Amino acid sequence: MSNPLLSNECGDCFTCCQALPIIQSELQKKAGVLCPHHNGGRHGCTIYETRPTVCRGFLCGWRLVPELGDDWRPDRSGILPVLVEKADVPDHHRKAGDGFNFIVTGGEAAVSRPAFADYVRTLVSCGVAVYLSAETPKTLINPYLEKLAVLRDMPGLTAMLLHIYRLHLEQKKLMRQAEQAADGAPGS
């Protein structure tokens, strides 16, 4: 059922079904792994009518922010914007309201999009808590971007976003190596 207050509809996008980690009693999956209940097709949830509460209640940032046009749809942009509630952002960002975690699913091309850097610059300039992740724990990136945002240094801001993203890729690689080592360890 569609919500008249939301201007953007999921359509055949199922990025959230793959990008997000879910650790609930009724469903557990790692980030970057397609939900086992998804069949890969449009509206492909095989348990849609009885899907877990966490799935029923999730709305990505693209659905919540009407200013984000169709090119921001997560399966098209390679970025899944996820709302971070005001209570969960650092104190000095709370007066700006809720924050955003941008989960990169589309690689460096997604991070390099001028629209992405410009929106991040706008949010950082307004004091909104901005996080970046790539199947990794999110990182608050405001401290690395504030000066560049004030200067409107878009090439510098894009370069810093790419740098932070690459650090996340390295973290993801190290996390996988640690998991593999733990899986192969004696007694595991």
Protein backbone atom coordinates (compact mmCIF):
# COMPACT_ATOMS: atom_id res chain seq x y z
CA MET A 1 0.00 0.00 0.00
CA SER A 2 1.33 3.43 -0.87
CA ASN A 3 1.72 6.24 1.64
CA PRO A 4 0.40 9.58 0.28
CA LEU A 5 2.98 11.47 2.36
CA LEU A 6 5.85 9.77 0.52
CA SER A 7 6.60 11.05 -2.95
CA ASN A 8 9.04 8.28 -3.90
CA GLU A 9 8.00 4.64 -4.28
CA CYS A 10 10.36 1.65 -4.15
CA GLY A 11 9.27 0.29 -7.51
CA ASP A 12 11.64 -2.55 -8.35
CA CYS A 13 14.45 -1.26 -6.10
CA PHE A 14 15.44 -3.76 -3.43
CA THR A 15 18.77 -2.26 -2.35
CA CYS A 16 17.72 -2.25 1.30
CA CYS A 17 17.03 -6.01 1.07
CA GLN A 18 20.71 -6.53 0.30
CA ALA A 19 22.70 -3.64 1.77
CA LEU A 20 21.40 -3.62 5.33
CA PRO A 21 22.45 -5.98 8.10
CA ILE A 22 19.49 -7.39 10.02
CA ILE A 23 19.88 -8.96 13.43
CA GLN A 24 16.41 -9.72 14.70
CA SER A 25 14.88 -12.85 16.16
CA GLU A 26 12.75 -13.35 13.03
CA LEU A 27 15.50 -12.58 10.49
CA GLN A 28 19.29 -12.47 10.53
CA LYS A 29 21.47 -11.51 7.58
CA LYS A 30 24.77 -9.77 6.98
CA ALA A 31 25.17 -6.47 5.14
CA GLY A 32 25.73 -7.03 1.44
CA VAL A 33 23.88 -10.36 1.39
CA LEU A 34 20.51 -10.51 -0.35
CA CYS A 35 17.73 -11.43 2.05
CA PRO A 36 16.93 -15.14 1.80
CA HIS A 37 13.23 -14.26 1.39
CA HIS A 38 13.85 -12.19 -1.75
CA ASN A 39 13.41 -13.87 -5.13
CA GLY A 40 15.26 -11.19 -7.11
CA GLY A 41 12.22 -9.91 -9.00
CA ARG A 42 10.12 -6.77 -8.74
CA HIS A 43 8.53 -6.74 -5.28
CA GLY A 44 10.38 -9.99 -4.81
CA CYS A 45 9.77 -10.54 -1.12
CA THR A 46 8.33 -14.03 -0.80
CA ILE A 47 7.02 -13.27 2.71
CA TYR A 48 5.82 -9.71 2.02
CA GLU A 49 2.51 -10.09 3.86
CA THR A 50 4.21 -11.54 6.95
CA ARG A 51 7.62 -9.83 6.65
CA PRO A 52 9.38 -8.90 9.90
CA THR A 53 8.58 -5.65 11.68
CA VAL A 54 12.06 -4.29 10.90
CA CYS A 55 11.27 -4.59 7.18
CA ARG A 56 7.75 -3.20 7.50
CA GLY A 57 8.98 -0.12 9.30
CA PHE A 58 12.00 0.71 7.14
CA LEU A 59 11.93 3.67 4.79
CA CYS A 60 15.15 4.73 3.13
CA GLY A 61 16.13 8.39 2.98
CA TRP A 62 15.24 8.57 -0.70
CA ARG A 63 11.63 7.78 0.18
CA LEU A 64 11.62 10.24 3.08
CA VAL A 65 13.21 13.26 1.37
CA PRO A 66 11.13 14.47 -1.59
CA GLU A 67 13.95 16.77 -2.77
CA LEU A 68 15.98 13.70 -3.73
CA GLY A 69 14.98 13.08 -7.33
CA ASP A 70 14.59 9.83 -9.21
CA ASP A 71 18.34 9.69 -9.92
CA TRP A 72 18.80 9.26 -6.14
CA ARG A 73 16.82 6.02 -6.05
CA PRO A 74 19.29 3.63 -4.37
CA ASP A 75 19.47 1.10 -7.18
CA ARG A 76 20.21 3.91 -9.64
CA SER A 77 22.51 6.10 -7.52
CA GLY A 78 24.50 3.38 -5.77
CA ILE A 79 23.83 5.17 -2.48
CA LEU A 80 21.33 4.01 0.14
CA PRO A 81 20.54 6.98 2.39
CA VAL A 82 19.42 5.83 5.84
CA LEU A 83 17.99 8.15 8.45
CA VAL A 84 19.88 8.31 11.76
CA GLU A 85 17.50 9.47 14.46
CA LYS A 86 18.34 12.68 16.29
CA ALA A 87 18.77 10.80 19.59
CA ASP A 88 21.52 8.70 17.97
CA VAL A 89 23.68 11.54 16.60
CA PRO A 90 26.39 13.34 18.60
CA ASP A 91 25.10 16.10 20.89
CA HIS A 92 26.60 18.93 18.85
CA HIS A 93 24.65 17.81 15.75
CA ARG A 94 21.27 17.34 17.43
CA LYS A 95 20.04 20.89 16.90
CA ALA A 96 20.15 20.14 13.14
CA GLY A 97 17.78 17.19 13.64
CA ASP A 98 18.14 13.70 12.25
CA GLY A 99 21.34 12.64 10.53
CA PHE A 100 22.03 10.51 7.48
CA ASN A 101 24.13 7.43 6.91
CA PHE A 102 25.01 7.04 3.25
CA ILE A 103 25.64 3.36 2.52
CA VAL A 104 27.70 3.08 -0.64
CA THR A 105 26.60 0.16 -2.81
CA GLY A 106 27.69 1.47 -6.20
CA GLY A 107 31.43 1.88 -5.71
CA GLU A 108 33.57 4.89 -6.51
CA ALA A 109 31.29 5.97 -9.35
CA ALA A 110 28.48 6.54 -6.83
CA VAL A 111 30.74 8.48 -4.45
CA SER A 112 32.07 10.59 -7.35
CA ARG A 113 28.60 11.73 -8.48
CA PRO A 114 28.47 15.54 -8.29
CA ALA A 115 24.94 15.35 -6.85
CA PHE A 116 26.19 13.19 -3.98
CA ALA A 117 29.04 15.52 -3.06
CA ASP A 118 26.77 18.55 -3.34
CA TYR A 119 24.09 17.05 -1.08
CA VAL A 120 26.69 15.97 1.48
CA ARG A 121 28.16 19.50 1.37
CA THR A 122 24.71 20.99 2.00
CA LEU A 123 24.03 18.69 4.95
CA VAL A 124 27.47 19.25 6.50
CA SER A 125 27.09 23.03 6.05
CA CYS A 126 23.78 22.85 7.95
CA GLY A 127 25.35 20.90 10.81
CA VAL A 128 23.51 17.65 10.01
CA ALA A 129 25.38 14.55 11.17
CA VAL A 130 26.58 12.73 8.06
CA TYR A 131 27.91 9.18 8.11
CA LEU A 132 29.39 6.97 5.41
CA SER A 133 29.55 3.19 5.29
CA ALA A 134 30.08 0.37 2.81
CA GLU A 135 28.93 -2.85 4.49
CA THR A 136 31.04 -1.59 7.40
CA PRO A 137 30.32 0.27 10.62
CA LYS A 138 29.36 3.84 9.82
CA THR A 139 31.81 6.73 10.26
CA LEU A 140 30.83 10.29 11.14
CA ILE A 141 32.46 12.25 8.31
CA ASN A 142 31.60 15.85 9.23
CA PRO A 143 34.97 16.60 10.86
CA TYR A 144 36.77 15.75 7.61
CA LEU A 145 34.45 17.80 5.40
CA GLU A 146 33.46 20.91 7.35
CA LYS A 147 36.23 23.18 6.08
CA LEU A 148 35.83 21.94 2.50
CA ALA A 149 32.06 22.48 2.73
CA VAL A 150 32.47 26.07 3.94
CA LEU A 151 34.94 26.77 1.11
CA ARG A 152 32.61 25.03 -1.37
CA ASP A 153 35.67 23.11 -2.54
CA MET A 154 33.80 20.43 -4.49
CA PRO A 155 36.90 18.73 -5.97
CA GLY A 156 38.44 18.58 -2.48
CA LEU A 157 35.21 17.37 -0.92
CA THR A 158 34.82 14.65 -3.56
CA ALA A 159 38.44 13.59 -3.08
CA MET A 160 37.90 13.34 0.69
CA LEU A 161 34.68 11.33 0.22
CA LEU A 162 36.57 8.93 -2.06
CA HIS A 163 39.38 8.67 0.49
CA ILE A 164 36.94 7.84 3.30
CA TYR A 165 35.16 5.32 1.07
CA ARG A 166 38.46 3.62 0.22
CA LEU A 167 39.26 3.36 3.93
CA HIS A 168 35.91 1.60 4.36
CA LEU A 169 36.81 -0.82 1.58
CA GLU A 170 40.08 -1.59 3.38
CA GLN A 171 38.16 -2.07 6.64
CA LYS A 172 35.72 -4.42 4.86
CA LYS A 173 38.65 -6.44 3.48
CA LEU A 174 40.25 -6.71 6.93
CA MET A 175 36.93 -7.70 8.51
CA ARG A 176 36.50 -10.50 5.94
CA GLN A 177 40.05 -11.72 6.53
CA ALA A 178 39.41 -11.80 10.28
CA GLU A 179 36.16 -13.75 9.74
CA GLN A 180 37.94 -16.24 7.47
CA ALA A 181 40.75 -16.66 10.00
CA ALA A 182 38.21 -17.23 12.78
CA ASP A 183 36.33 -19.77 10.63
CA GLY A 184 39.55 -21.66 9.96
CA ALA A 185 40.88 -21.44 13.51
CA PRO A 186 41.19 -24.67 15.50
CA GLY A 187 38.12 -25.30 17.62
CA SER A 188 35.84 -23.10 15.53
